[in-house]
Protein backbone atom coordinates (compact mmCIF):
# COMPACT_ATOMS: atom_id res chain seq x y z
CA MET A 1 30.11 -116.80 150.86
CA PRO A 2 31.79 -115.74 147.59
CA GLN A 3 34.31 -112.95 147.94
CA HIS A 4 32.45 -110.56 145.61
CA ASP A 5 29.43 -110.57 147.93
CA SER A 6 31.37 -108.54 150.47
CA HIS A 7 31.43 -105.63 147.97
CA ARG A 8 27.69 -105.36 147.34
CA HIS A 9 27.74 -101.69 148.38
CA ASP A 10 29.87 -101.07 145.25
CA ARG A 11 27.08 -102.22 142.93
CA ALA A 12 24.14 -100.46 141.37
CA LYS A 13 20.81 -101.44 142.93
CA VAL A 14 17.20 -101.33 141.81
CA ILE A 15 15.34 -98.93 144.06
CA LYS A 16 11.98 -98.96 142.28
CA SER A 17 10.25 -101.25 139.77
CA LEU A 18 7.15 -99.95 138.02
CA GLU A 19 4.97 -102.28 135.96
CA ASP A 20 2.29 -101.38 133.45
CA ALA A 21 -1.32 -102.24 134.29
CA ASP A 22 -1.11 -105.53 132.37
CA GLY A 23 2.11 -106.63 134.08
CA PHE A 24 3.93 -107.18 130.79
CA ARG A 25 6.27 -104.18 130.87
CA CYS A 26 8.41 -102.74 133.62
CA VAL A 27 10.85 -99.91 134.28
CA ASP A 28 13.53 -100.35 136.92
CA ILE A 29 14.99 -97.21 138.48
CA ILE A 30 18.59 -97.88 139.44
CA GLU A 31 20.79 -96.13 141.98
CA ARG A 32 24.51 -96.32 141.34
CA PRO A 33 27.17 -96.40 144.06
CA ASP A 34 28.11 -92.80 143.21
CA GLY A 35 24.56 -91.63 144.06
CA THR A 36 23.40 -91.07 140.47
CA PHE A 37 20.42 -92.82 138.87
CA SER A 38 19.48 -94.52 135.62
CA PHE A 39 16.79 -96.86 134.33
CA LYS A 40 16.17 -100.01 132.30
CA GLU A 41 13.09 -101.29 130.47
CA PHE A 42 11.92 -104.91 130.61
CA ARG A 43 9.08 -106.99 129.20
CA ARG A 44 7.54 -110.28 130.30
CA ASP A 45 6.08 -112.62 127.72
CA PRO A 46 4.11 -115.83 128.37
CA GLU A 47 6.41 -117.79 126.03
CA ASP A 48 9.36 -116.82 128.26
CA ALA A 49 7.74 -118.53 131.26
CA GLY A 50 7.12 -115.16 132.89
CA ARG A 51 10.79 -114.13 133.03
CA TRP A 52 11.66 -110.47 132.56
CA THR A 53 13.65 -109.71 129.40
CA LEU A 54 15.74 -106.56 129.04
CA VAL A 55 14.48 -104.60 126.03
CA GLY A 56 15.90 -101.13 126.71
CA ASP A 57 19.15 -100.43 128.51
CA TYR A 58 19.32 -96.74 129.36
CA SER A 59 21.91 -97.23 132.08
CA HIS A 60 24.50 -95.31 130.03
CA SER A 61 22.56 -92.16 130.92
CA SER A 62 23.07 -90.60 134.33
CA TYR A 63 20.58 -88.54 136.36
CA SER A 64 21.21 -86.69 139.59
CA THR A 65 17.89 -87.69 141.22
CA LYS A 66 15.42 -90.54 141.16
CA ASP A 67 12.76 -88.14 139.91
CA ASP A 68 14.98 -87.08 136.99
CA ALA A 69 15.42 -90.73 136.03
CA LEU A 70 11.63 -91.26 136.20
CA ARG A 71 11.04 -88.23 133.98
CA ALA A 72 13.63 -89.49 131.48
CA ALA A 73 11.92 -92.89 131.40
CA ALA A 74 8.60 -91.19 130.67
CA THR A 75 10.22 -89.14 127.90
CA ASN A 76 11.86 -92.16 126.27
CA LEU A 77 9.11 -94.78 126.73
CA ALA A 78 5.68 -93.94 125.31
CA TRP A 79 3.94 -96.77 127.17
CA PHE A 80 5.43 -95.58 130.48
CA SER A 81 4.38 -92.00 129.84
CA ALA A 82 0.83 -93.19 129.06
CA SER A 83 0.79 -95.22 132.29
CA ILE A 84 1.79 -92.17 134.32
CA LYS A 85 -0.81 -89.96 132.67
CA SER A 86 -3.54 -92.52 133.34
CA GLY A 87 -2.49 -92.67 136.99
CA ARG A 88 -1.43 -96.30 136.88
CA GLU A 89 2.11 -95.83 138.11
CA ASP A 90 3.28 -94.80 141.55
CA THR A 91 5.41 -91.83 140.52
CA PRO A 92 6.05 -88.42 142.01
C-alpha cells in the first residue's frame, strides 16, 4: 500500500453527488478535513466516453455546513437551482 494512503483522513471527500435529470451535469459536495464544505461542478459528454469533466471549481469557497454549500451551488449554478425547484434533486 502506498504511504500516502495511510493519511486518507487528511483529504477532502465527496459526501454527496447530485446529477441533473439527464445525467449530464453533476455537483459534488465536498467535506474538508477541517469540517468545512465546498462544491465542484462536472459535466459528462458522450464524446468523452461518459467520463466526468470538471467545469466549475468552487472549492476555494468555504461553507460551515453541507446545507450552506448546497445553497451556494444553487446560487452559482442556474441549472442546479432549476433542478432543485423542479424537485429533481435530493436536497434539504
